[in-house]
């Protein structure tokens, strides 16, 4: 069993930390708001007063934060992860951030004699709790093989994709499709509803049709009732789409459906839905369609 650290105990991060605890690992955690991690402390997680303290007490340090700026905030400074790293330690960032920034941080980690992997997760709260998420990993191949048994405690599918920054690139490529699919699903529900089919019936039919990807199956019902706590809010999804659009510009890859979906997320924000799950795009589109 490993001595693990986990920084960033939000909706997904907290549940990943719990899976690591349940696998028998020792986990020392840190979150900006300690009260949100109380249920993990009650379950046996130890507490670190800052990211540096977590890194000092752990062999493998995980982080999962909201964006590039938040990652830099927990990595740098006197109380940051870098300050607590030493030779042979491994830093695994699970955040969806700028690939260039991820590579930059990996160089700083290597300068301290440690190794960094970027390792985003593809899945939802439900699939994570079921143990069905997939992980994509980038960085030093030997380091990946060393910690692969730990990663398998999080999810059954762990894919190595290449050098530092490529796993987070793969996650951005994945997430743009989530948003595009959700918008297309919303359009289908609304056109059926305005034609006279009950919304719940349209949802049921679509969820049992050929378009029902795993994401559509678990998020499609949100057009009927949004979750009390956003699994992945509008701001977070738009952050990922903006990362995708920037990569598209850099790589000369046109992303027309991503651009259109990004505008719908802006519409949702303008309607006051920024903190709702990104499935709220349905509600924004319904308002534009004159549907309650």
C-alpha atoms as a PDB file:
ATOM      1  CA  UNK A   1       0.000   0.000   0.000  1.00  0.00           C
ATOM      2  CA  UNK A   2       1.253   3.473  -0.878  1.00  0.00           C
ATOM      3  CA  UNK A   3       1.487   6.763   0.974  1.00  0.00           C
ATOM      4  CA  UNK A   4      -0.632   9.014  -1.219  1.00  0.00           C
ATOM      5  CA  UNK A   5      -1.510  12.694  -1.219  1.00  0.00           C
ATOM      6  CA  UNK A   6      -4.533  14.320  -2.817  1.00  0.00           C
ATOM      7  CA  UNK A   7      -4.913  18.061  -3.399  1.00  0.00           C
ATOM      8  CA  UNK A   8      -8.265  19.374  -4.631  1.00  0.00           C
ATOM      9  CA  UNK A   9     -11.192  17.506  -3.078  1.00  0.00           C
ATOM     10  CA  UNK A  10     -14.061  18.723  -5.221  1.00  0.00           C
ATOM     11  CA  UNK A  11     -16.918  16.709  -6.697  1.00  0.00           C
ATOM     12  CA  UNK A  12     -14.637  14.307  -8.607  1.00  0.00           C
ATOM     13  CA  UNK A  13     -11.417  14.655  -6.612  1.00  0.00           C
ATOM     14  CA  UNK A  14     -13.070  13.734  -3.335  1.00  0.00           C
ATOM     15  CA  UNK A  15     -14.553  10.575  -4.805  1.00  0.00           C
ATOM     16  CA  UNK A  16     -11.217   9.563  -6.324  1.00  0.00           C
ATOM     17  CA  UNK A  17      -9.588  10.051  -2.917  1.00  0.00           C
ATOM     18  CA  UNK A  18     -12.299   7.832  -1.384  1.00  0.00           C
ATOM     19  CA  UNK A  19     -11.612   5.062  -3.892  1.00  0.00           C
ATOM     20  CA  UNK A  20      -7.912   5.225  -3.004  1.00  0.00           C
ATOM     21  CA  UNK A  21      -8.779   5.025   0.696  1.00  0.00           C
ATOM     22  CA  UNK A  22     -11.093   2.088   0.046  1.00  0.00           C
ATOM     23  CA  UNK A  23      -8.237   0.315  -1.771  1.00  0.00           C
ATOM     24  CA  UNK A  24      -6.235   0.416   1.466  1.00  0.00           C
ATOM     25  CA  UNK A  25      -3.847   3.267   0.677  1.00  0.00           C
ATOM     26  CA  UNK A  26      -2.949   5.945   3.193  1.00  0.00           C
ATOM     27  CA  UNK A  27      -4.229   9.266   1.831  1.00  0.00           C
ATOM     28  CA  UNK A  28      -3.289  12.721   3.098  1.00  0.00           C
ATOM     29  CA  UNK A  29      -5.575  15.373   1.636  1.00  0.00           C
ATOM     30  CA  UNK A  30      -5.785  19.125   1.264  1.00  0.00           C
ATOM     31  CA  UNK A  31      -8.632  21.276   0.031  1.00  0.00           C
ATOM     32  CA  UNK A  32      -9.027  25.043   0.090  1.00  0.00           C
ATOM     33  CA  UNK A  33     -12.264  24.608   2.083  1.00  0.00           C
ATOM     34  CA  UNK A  34     -11.552  21.994   4.748  1.00  0.00           C
ATOM     35  CA  UNK A  35     -15.214  21.497   5.685  1.00  0.00           C
ATOM     36  CA  UNK A  36     -15.940  19.998   2.256  1.00  0.00           C
ATOM     37  CA  UNK A  37     -13.444  17.233   3.043  1.00  0.00           C
ATOM     38  CA  UNK A  38     -14.835  16.372   6.478  1.00  0.00           C
ATOM     39  CA  UNK A  39     -16.583  13.246   5.214  1.00  0.00           C
ATOM     40  CA  UNK A  40     -13.219  11.970   3.948  1.00  0.00           C
ATOM     41  CA  UNK A  41     -11.540  12.737   7.272  1.00  0.00           C
ATOM     42  CA  UNK A  42     -14.325  10.774   8.938  1.00  0.00           C
ATOM     43  CA  UNK A  43     -13.527   7.913   6.544  1.00  0.00           C
ATOM     44  CA  UNK A  44      -9.863   7.851   7.602  1.00  0.00           C
ATOM     45  CA  UNK A  45      -8.124  10.399   5.395  1.00  0.00           C
ATOM     46  CA  UNK A  46      -5.315  12.391   7.016  1.00  0.00           C
ATOM     47  CA  UNK A  47      -5.093  16.165   6.646  1.00  0.00           C
ATOM     48  CA  UNK A  48      -2.276  18.331   5.300  1.00  0.00           C
ATOM     49  CA  UNK A  49      -2.287  22.022   6.173  1.00  0.00           C
ATOM     50  CA  UNK A  50      -1.041  23.041   2.702  1.00  0.00           C
ATOM     51  CA  UNK A  51      -0.009  21.435  -0.599  1.00  0.00           C
ATOM     52  CA  UNK A  52       3.641  21.425   0.503  1.00  0.00           C
ATOM     53  CA  UNK A  53       2.777  19.412   3.628  1.00  0.00           C
ATOM     54  CA  UNK A  54       0.840  16.882   1.538  1.00  0.00           C
ATOM     55  CA  UNK A  55       3.777  16.480  -0.859  1.00  0.00           C
ATOM     56  CA  UNK A  56       6.270  16.077   1.971  1.00  0.00           C
ATOM     57  CA  UNK A  57       4.268  13.254   3.569  1.00  0.00           C
ATOM     58  CA  UNK A  58       3.469  11.329   0.370  1.00  0.00           C
ATOM     59  CA  UNK A  59       5.222   9.119  -2.172  1.00  0.00           C
ATOM     60  CA  UNK A  60       2.685   9.894  -4.899  1.00  0.00           C
ATOM     61  CA  UNK A  61       0.872  13.235  -4.910  1.00  0.00           C
ATOM     62  CA  UNK A  62      -2.360  13.687  -6.883  1.00  0.00           C
ATOM     63  CA  UNK A  63      -3.990  17.003  -7.724  1.00  0.00           C
ATOM     64  CA  UNK A  64      -7.332  17.797  -9.325  1.00  0.00           C
ATOM     65  CA  UNK A  65      -8.187  21.493  -9.512  1.00  0.00           C
ATOM     66  CA  UNK A  66     -10.426  23.695 -11.621  1.00  0.00           C
ATOM     67  CA  UNK A  67      -8.091  25.322 -14.164  1.00  0.00           C
ATOM     68  CA  UNK A  68      -4.547  26.293 -15.133  1.00  0.00           C
ATOM     69  CA  UNK A  69      -4.405  29.212 -12.702  1.00  0.00           C
ATOM     70  CA  UNK A  70      -5.571  27.014  -9.824  1.00  0.00           C
ATOM     71  CA  UNK A  71      -2.946  24.402 -10.695  1.00  0.00           C
ATOM     72  CA  UNK A  72      -0.170  26.970 -10.680  1.00  0.00           C
ATOM     73  CA  UNK A  73      -1.466  28.244  -7.322  1.00  0.00           C
ATOM     74  CA  UNK A  74      -1.172  24.835  -5.635  1.00  0.00           C
ATOM     75  CA  UNK A  75       2.145  23.978  -7.331  1.00  0.00           C
ATOM     76  CA  UNK A  76       4.141  27.179  -6.809  1.00  0.00           C
ATOM     77  CA  UNK A  77       5.125  29.261  -3.791  1.00  0.00           C
ATOM     78  CA  UNK A  78       6.513  28.457  -0.344  1.00  0.00           C
ATOM     79  CA  UNK A  79       3.479  26.297   0.496  1.00  0.00           C
ATOM     80  CA  UNK A  80       3.144  24.709  -2.948  1.00  0.00           C
ATOM     81  CA  UNK A  81       3.624  21.143  -4.135  1.00  0.00           C
ATOM     82  CA  UNK A  82       7.023  21.891  -5.678  1.00  0.00           C
ATOM     83  CA  UNK A  83       8.362  23.018  -2.299  1.00  0.00           C
ATOM     84  CA  UNK A  84       7.480  19.614  -0.836  1.00  0.00           C
ATOM     85  CA  UNK A  85       8.887  17.437  -3.613  1.00  0.00           C
ATOM     86  CA  UNK A  86      12.100  15.446  -3.357  1.00  0.00           C
ATOM     87  CA  UNK A  87      13.893  12.846  -5.460  1.00  0.00           C
ATOM     88  CA  UNK A  88      11.865   9.785  -6.446  1.00  0.00           C
ATOM     89  CA  UNK A  89       8.495  11.373  -5.609  1.00  0.00           C
ATOM     90  CA  UNK A  90       5.780  11.323  -8.252  1.00  0.00           C
ATOM     91  CA  UNK A  91       3.299  14.114  -8.940  1.00  0.00           C
ATOM     92  CA  UNK A  92       0.154  13.105 -10.833  1.00  0.00           C
ATOM     93  CA  UNK A  93      -2.030  15.972 -12.031  1.00  0.00           C
ATOM     94  CA  UNK A  94      -5.580  14.992 -12.961  1.00  0.00           C
ATOM     95  CA  UNK A  95      -6.788  18.517 -13.824  1.00  0.00           C
ATOM     96  CA  UNK A  96      -7.901  19.619 -17.293  1.00  0.00           C
ATOM     97  CA  UNK A  97      -5.530  22.491 -17.995  1.00  0.00           C
ATOM     98  CA  UNK A  98      -3.426  24.026 -20.742  1.00  0.00           C
ATOM     99  CA  UNK A  99      -1.117  21.320 -22.179  1.00  0.00           C
ATOM    100  CA  UNK A 100       1.675  23.896 -22.477  1.00  0.00           C
ATOM    101  CA  UNK A 101       1.327  24.792 -18.796  1.00  0.00           C
ATOM    102  CA  UNK A 102       1.314  21.113 -17.842  1.00  0.00           C
ATOM    103  CA  UNK A 103       4.588  20.562 -19.711  1.00  0.00           C
ATOM    104  CA  UNK A 104       6.073  23.653 -18.085  1.00  0.00           C
ATOM    105  CA  UNK A 105       5.237  22.348 -14.607  1.00  0.00           C
ATOM    106  CA  UNK A 106       6.610  18.909 -15.512  1.00  0.00           C
ATOM    107  CA  UNK A 107       9.989  20.527 -16.234  1.00  0.00           C
ATOM    108  CA  UNK A 108       9.952  22.234 -12.839  1.00  0.00           C
ATOM    109  CA  UNK A 109       9.115  18.918 -11.170  1.00  0.00           C
ATOM    110  CA  UNK A 110      11.979  17.178 -13.003  1.00  0.00           C
ATOM    111  CA  UNK A 111      14.374  19.896 -11.837  1.00  0.00           C
ATOM    112  CA  UNK A 112      13.692  18.725  -8.266  1.00  0.00           C
ATOM    113  CA  UNK A 113      14.501  15.118  -9.146  1.00  0.00           C
ATOM    114  CA  UNK A 114      10.865  14.048  -9.165  1.00  0.00           C
ATOM    115  CA  UNK A 115       8.554  12.935 -11.981  1.00  0.00           C
ATOM    116  CA  UNK A 116       5.218  14.341 -13.165  1.00  0.00           C
ATOM    117  CA  UNK A 117       2.459  12.597 -15.066  1.00  0.00           C
ATOM    118  CA  UNK A 118      -0.664  14.257 -16.437  1.00  0.00           C
ATOM    119  CA  UNK A 119      -3.538  11.875 -15.836  1.00  0.00           C
ATOM    120  CA  UNK A 120      -7.073  13.184 -16.480  1.00  0.00           C
ATOM    121  CA  UNK A 121     -10.133  11.025 -15.902  1.00  0.00           C
ATOM    122  CA  UNK A 122     -12.933  10.437 -18.382  1.00  0.00           C
ATOM    123  CA  UNK A 123     -16.253   9.770 -16.682  1.00  0.00           C
ATOM    124  CA  UNK A 124     -18.859  11.184 -14.346  1.00  0.00           C
ATOM    125  CA  UNK A 125     -19.709  11.018 -10.661  1.00  0.00           C
ATOM    126  CA  UNK A 126     -21.830   7.921 -11.335  1.00  0.00           C
ATOM    127  CA  UNK A 127     -19.216   6.080 -13.418  1.00  0.00           C
ATOM    128  CA  UNK A 128     -16.504   6.988 -10.895  1.00  0.00           C
ATOM    129  CA  UNK A 129     -18.506   5.622  -7.973  1.00  0.00           C
ATOM    130  CA  UNK A 130     -19.204   2.486 -10.029  1.00  0.00           C
ATOM    131  CA  UNK A 131     -15.490   2.108 -10.769  1.00  0.00           C
ATOM    132  CA  UNK A 132     -15.983   2.501 -14.512  1.00  0.00           C
ATOM    133  CA  UNK A 133     -14.002   5.632 -15.371  1.00  0.00           C
ATOM    134  CA  UNK A 134     -11.069   5.539 -17.771  1.00  0.00           C
ATOM    135  CA  UNK A 135      -7.748   7.286 -17.231  1.00  0.00           C
ATOM    136  CA  UNK A 136      -5.325   8.654 -19.800  1.00  0.00           C
ATOM    137  CA  UNK A 137      -1.712   9.102 -18.725  1.00  0.00           C
ATOM    138  CA  UNK A 138       1.271  10.960 -20.172  1.00  0.00           C
ATOM    139  CA  UNK A 139       4.868  11.365 -19.074  1.00  0.00           C
ATOM    140  CA  UNK A 140       7.776   9.031 -18.377  1.00  0.00           C
ATOM    141  CA  UNK A 141       6.750   5.453 -19.352  1.00  0.00           C
ATOM    142  CA  UNK A 142       8.671   3.831 -16.482  1.00  0.00           C
ATOM    143  CA  UNK A 143       6.983   6.114 -13.958  1.00  0.00           C
ATOM    144  CA  UNK A 144       3.626   5.222 -15.450  1.00  0.00           C
ATOM    145  CA  UNK A 145       4.298   1.495 -15.077  1.00  0.00           C
ATOM    146  CA  UNK A 146       5.421   2.040 -11.489  1.00  0.00           C
ATOM    147  CA  UNK A 147       2.158   3.651 -10.398  1.00  0.00           C
ATOM    148  CA  UNK A 148      -0.248   1.819 -12.718  1.00  0.00           C
ATOM    149  CA  UNK A 149      -1.455  -0.498  -9.906  1.00  0.00           C
ATOM    150  CA  UNK A 150      -2.471   2.577  -7.889  1.00  0.00           C
ATOM    151  CA  UNK A 151      -4.302   4.076 -10.871  1.00  0.00           C
ATOM    152  CA  UNK A 152      -6.229   0.840 -11.389  1.00  0.00           C
ATOM    153  CA  UNK A 153      -7.839   1.426  -7.988  1.00  0.00           C
ATOM    154  CA  UNK A 154      -9.516   4.481  -9.565  1.00  0.00           C
ATOM    155  CA  UNK A 155     -10.747   2.899 -12.780  1.00  0.00           C
ATOM    156  CA  UNK A 156     -10.287  -0.292 -14.842  1.00  0.00           C
ATOM    157  CA  UNK A 157      -9.050   1.335 -18.051  1.00  0.00           C
ATOM    158  CA  UNK A 158      -5.684   3.112 -17.890  1.00  0.00           C
ATOM    159  CA  UNK A 159      -4.171   4.154 -21.222  1.00  0.00           C
ATOM    160  CA  UNK A 160      -0.670   5.535 -21.721  1.00  0.00           C
ATOM    161  CA  UNK A 161      -0.788   8.124 -24.529  1.00  0.00           C
ATOM    162  CA  UNK A 162       2.729   9.599 -24.748  1.00  0.00           C
ATOM    163  CA  UNK A 163       4.887  12.461 -23.537  1.00  0.00           C
ATOM    164  CA  UNK A 164       3.933  15.071 -20.929  1.00  0.00           C
ATOM    165  CA  UNK A 165       0.948  17.178 -21.970  1.00  0.00           C
ATOM    166  CA  UNK A 166      -0.588  14.620 -24.328  1.00  0.00           C
ATOM    167  CA  UNK A 167      -2.976  13.105 -21.776  1.00  0.00           C
ATOM    168  CA  UNK A 168      -4.496  16.478 -20.984  1.00  0.00           C
ATOM    169  CA  UNK A 169      -4.685  17.104 -24.738  1.00  0.00           C
ATOM    170  CA  UNK A 170      -6.594  13.832 -25.086  1.00  0.00           C
ATOM    171  CA  UNK A 171      -8.943  14.884 -22.275  1.00  0.00           C
ATOM    172  CA  UNK A 172      -9.691  18.181 -24.041  1.00  0.00           C
ATOM    173  CA  UNK A 173     -10.412  16.235 -27.243  1.00  0.00           C
ATOM    174  CA  UNK A 174     -12.800  14.039 -25.249  1.00  0.00           C
ATOM    175  CA  UNK A 175     -14.615  16.830 -23.436  1.00  0.00           C
ATOM    176  CA  UNK A 176     -15.387  18.874 -26.516  1.00  0.00           C
ATOM    177  CA  UNK A 177     -17.408  15.914 -27.757  1.00  0.00           C
ATOM    178  CA  UNK A 178     -19.360  15.694 -24.477  1.00  0.00           C
ATOM    179  CA  UNK A 179     -20.612  19.252 -24.855  1.00  0.00           C
ATOM    180  CA  UNK A 180     -21.367  18.901 -28.574  1.00  0.00           C
ATOM    181  CA  UNK A 181     -23.318  15.678 -27.955  1.00  0.00           C
ATOM    182  CA  UNK A 182     -25.333  17.279 -25.155  1.00  0.00           C
ATOM    183  CA  UNK A 183     -26.311  20.199 -27.368  1.00  0.00           C
ATOM    184  CA  UNK A 184     -27.343  17.881 -30.217  1.00  0.00           C
ATOM    185  CA  UNK A 185     -29.388  15.783 -27.787  1.00  0.00           C
ATOM    186  CA  UNK A 186     -31.111  18.942 -26.524  1.00  0.00           C
ATOM    187  CA  UNK A 187     -31.974  19.975 -30.076  1.00  0.00           C
ATOM    188  CA  UNK A 188     -33.505  16.569 -30.734  1.00  0.00           C
ATOM    189  CA  UNK A 189     -35.625  16.663 -27.580  1.00  0.00           C
ATOM    190  CA  UNK A 190     -36.866  20.171 -28.318  1.00  0.00           C
ATOM    191  CA  UNK A 191     -37.822  19.554 -31.931  1.00  0.00           C
ATOM    192  CA  UNK A 192     -39.784  16.475 -30.838  1.00  0.00           C
ATOM    193  CA  UNK A 193     -41.442  18.392 -27.990  1.00  0.00           C
ATOM    194  CA  UNK A 194     -42.509  21.329 -30.157  1.00  0.00           C
ATOM    195  CA  UNK A 195     -43.956  18.883 -32.668  1.00  0.00           C
ATOM    196  CA  UNK A 196     -46.242  17.530 -29.940  1.00  0.00           C
ATOM    197  CA  UNK A 197     -44.322  14.667 -28.280  1.00  0.00           C
ATOM    198  CA  UNK A 198     -44.055  14.780 -24.502  1.00  0.00           C
ATOM    199  CA  UNK A 199     -40.585  15.725 -23.326  1.00  0.00           C
ATOM    200  CA  UNK A 200     -40.217  12.664 -21.098  1.00  0.00           C
ATOM    201  CA  UNK A 201     -41.251  10.422 -23.991  1.00  0.00           C
ATOM    202  CA  UNK A 202     -38.740  12.028 -26.337  1.00  0.00           C
ATOM    203  CA  UNK A 203     -35.990  11.552 -23.745  1.00  0.00           C
ATOM    204  CA  UNK A 204     -36.943   7.902 -23.242  1.00  0.00           C
ATOM    205  CA  UNK A 205     -36.914   7.201 -26.974  1.00  0.00           C
ATOM    206  CA  UNK A 206     -33.565   8.908 -27.534  1.00  0.00           C
ATOM    207  CA  UNK A 207     -31.963   7.167 -24.548  1.00  0.00           C
ATOM    208  CA  UNK A 208     -32.863   3.838 -26.165  1.00  0.00           C
ATOM    209  CA  UNK A 209     -31.772   4.798 -29.672  1.00  0.00           C
ATOM    210  CA  UNK A 210     -28.513   4.509 -31.587  1.00  0.00           C
ATOM    211  CA  UNK A 211     -27.430   8.005 -30.473  1.00  0.00           C
ATOM    212  CA  UNK A 212     -27.341   7.046 -26.768  1.00  0.00           C
ATOM    213  CA  UNK A 213     -23.653   7.183 -25.894  1.00  0.00           C
ATOM    214  CA  UNK A 214     -22.726   6.434 -22.245  1.00  0.00           C
ATOM    215  CA  UNK A 215     -22.635  10.202 -21.599  1.00  0.00           C
ATOM    216  CA  UNK A 216     -26.073  10.738 -23.135  1.00  0.00           C
ATOM    217  CA  UNK A 217     -27.473   7.867 -21.070  1.00  0.00           C
ATOM    218  CA  UNK A 218     -26.419   9.389 -17.733  1.00  0.00           C
ATOM    219  CA  UNK A 219     -26.749  13.087 -18.575  1.00  0.00           C
ATOM    220  CA  UNK A 220     -29.733  13.015 -20.932  1.00  0.00           C
ATOM    221  CA  UNK A 221     -32.237  12.741 -18.049  1.00  0.00           C
ATOM    222  CA  UNK A 222     -30.937  16.114 -16.805  1.00  0.00           C
ATOM    223  CA  UNK A 223     -33.140  17.826 -19.410  1.00  0.00           C
ATOM    224  CA  UNK A 224     -36.041  16.668 -17.225  1.00  0.00           C
ATOM    225  CA  UNK A 225     -34.458  17.559 -13.887  1.00  0.00           C
ATOM    226  CA  UNK A 226     -31.033  19.032 -13.221  1.00  0.00           C
ATOM    227  CA  UNK A 227     -28.995  17.499 -10.379  1.00  0.00           C
ATOM    228  CA  UNK A 228     -28.979  19.341  -7.058  1.00  0.00           C
ATOM    229  CA  UNK A 229     -25.200  19.615  -7.312  1.00  0.00           C
ATOM    230  CA  UNK A 230     -23.665  20.276 -10.722  1.00  0.00           C
ATOM    231  CA  UNK A 231     -21.462  17.399 -11.806  1.00  0.00           C
ATOM    232  CA  UNK A 232     -19.638  19.648 -14.272  1.00  0.00           C
ATOM    233  CA  UNK A 233     -20.878  23.208 -14.475  1.00  0.00           C
ATOM    234  CA  UNK A 234     -21.147  25.588 -17.441  1.00  0.00           C
ATOM    235  CA  UNK A 235     -18.025  27.536 -16.463  1.00  0.00           C
ATOM    236  CA  UNK A 236     -15.933  24.367 -16.226  1.00  0.00           C
ATOM    237  CA  UNK A 237     -17.130  23.014 -19.558  1.00  0.00           C
ATOM    238  CA  UNK A 238     -16.617  26.335 -21.296  1.00  0.00           C
ATOM    239  CA  UNK A 239     -13.075  26.439 -19.926  1.00  0.00           C
ATOM    240  CA  UNK A 240     -12.432  23.103 -21.652  1.00  0.00           C
ATOM    241  CA  UNK A 241     -14.006  24.212 -24.921  1.00  0.00           C
ATOM    242  CA  UNK A 242     -11.873  27.354 -24.939  1.00  0.00           C
ATOM    243  CA  UNK A 243      -8.786  25.156 -24.437  1.00  0.00           C
ATOM    244  CA  UNK A 244      -9.971  23.044 -27.378  1.00  0.00           C
ATOM    245  CA  UNK A 245     -10.530  26.075 -29.600  1.00  0.00           C
ATOM    246  CA  UNK A 246      -7.067  27.378 -28.763  1.00  0.00           C
ATOM    247  CA  UNK A 247      -5.520  24.004 -29.629  1.00  0.00           C
ATOM    248  CA  UNK A 248      -7.510  23.949 -32.853  1.00  0.00           C
ATOM    249  CA  UNK A 249      -6.108  27.346 -33.781  1.00  0.00           C
ATOM    250  CA  UNK A 250      -2.554  26.218 -32.958  1.00  0.00           C
ATOM    251  CA  UNK A 251      -2.856  22.953 -34.880  1.00  0.00           C
ATOM    252  CA  UNK A 252      -4.944  24.270 -37.820  1.00  0.00           C
ATOM    253  CA  UNK A 253      -7.860  21.982 -36.989  1.00  0.00           C
ATOM    254  CA  UNK A 254     -11.262  23.621 -37.614  1.00  0.00           C
ATOM    255  CA  UNK A 255     -13.736  22.943 -34.806  1.00  0.00           C
ATOM    256  CA  UNK A 256     -17.091  24.236 -36.083  1.00  0.00           C
ATOM    257  CA  UNK A 257     -19.373  22.264 -33.752  1.00  0.00           C
ATOM    258  CA  UNK A 258     -17.159  23.107 -30.774  1.00  0.00           C
ATOM    259  CA  UNK A 259     -17.395  26.801 -31.639  1.00  0.00           C
ATOM    260  CA  UNK A 260     -21.196  26.656 -31.911  1.00  0.00           C
ATOM    261  CA  UNK A 261     -21.481  24.797 -28.603  1.00  0.00           C
ATOM    262  CA  UNK A 262     -19.192  27.314 -26.947  1.00  0.00           C
ATOM    263  CA  UNK A 263     -21.601  30.078 -27.999  1.00  0.00           C
ATOM    264  CA  UNK A 264     -24.515  28.158 -26.471  1.00  0.00           C
ATOM    265  CA  UNK A 265     -22.575  27.916 -23.204  1.00  0.00           C
ATOM    266  CA  UNK A 266     -22.084  31.695 -23.351  1.00  0.00           C
ATOM    267  CA  UNK A 267     -25.842  32.005 -23.839  1.00  0.00           C
ATOM    268  CA  UNK A 268     -26.432  29.831 -20.769  1.00  0.00           C
ATOM    269  CA  UNK A 269     -24.076  31.993 -18.731  1.00  0.00           C
ATOM    270  CA  UNK A 270     -25.884  35.106 -19.917  1.00  0.00           C
ATOM    271  CA  UNK A 271     -29.155  33.599 -18.686  1.00  0.00           C
ATOM    272  CA  UNK A 272     -27.684  33.086 -15.214  1.00  0.00           C
ATOM    273  CA  UNK A 273     -26.948  29.358 -15.507  1.00  0.00           C
ATOM    274  CA  UNK A 274     -23.156  29.488 -15.039  1.00  0.00           C
ATOM    275  CA  UNK A 275     -23.115  27.275 -11.940  1.00  0.00           C
ATOM    276  CA  UNK A 276     -25.589  24.688 -13.253  1.00  0.00           C
ATOM    277  CA  UNK A 277     -24.478  21.427 -14.837  1.00  0.00           C
ATOM    278  CA  UNK A 278     -23.653  22.043 -18.506  1.00  0.00           C
ATOM    279  CA  UNK A 279     -26.758  20.020 -19.422  1.00  0.00           C
ATOM    280  CA  UNK A 280     -28.560  23.316 -18.664  1.00  0.00           C
ATOM    281  CA  UNK A 281     -27.839  24.164 -22.311  1.00  0.00           C
ATOM    282  CA  UNK A 282     -31.192  22.471 -22.878  1.00  0.00           C
ATOM    283  CA  UNK A 283     -32.912  25.063 -20.709  1.00  0.00           C
ATOM    284  CA  UNK A 284     -31.185  27.915 -22.542  1.00  0.00           C
ATOM    285  CA  UNK A 285     -32.142  26.471 -25.935  1.00  0.00           C
ATOM    286  CA  UNK A 286     -35.722  25.883 -24.726  1.00  0.00           C
ATOM    287  CA  UNK A 287     -36.042  29.525 -23.720  1.00  0.00           C
ATOM    288  CA  UNK A 288     -34.846  30.578 -27.157  1.00  0.00           C
ATOM    289  CA  UNK A 289     -37.440  28.166 -28.629  1.00  0.00           C
ATOM    290  CA  UNK A 290     -40.307  29.601 -26.565  1.00  0.00           C
ATOM    291  CA  UNK A 291     -40.623  26.394 -24.509  1.00  0.00           C
ATOM    292  CA  UNK A 292     -41.097  26.454 -20.738  1.00  0.00           C
END
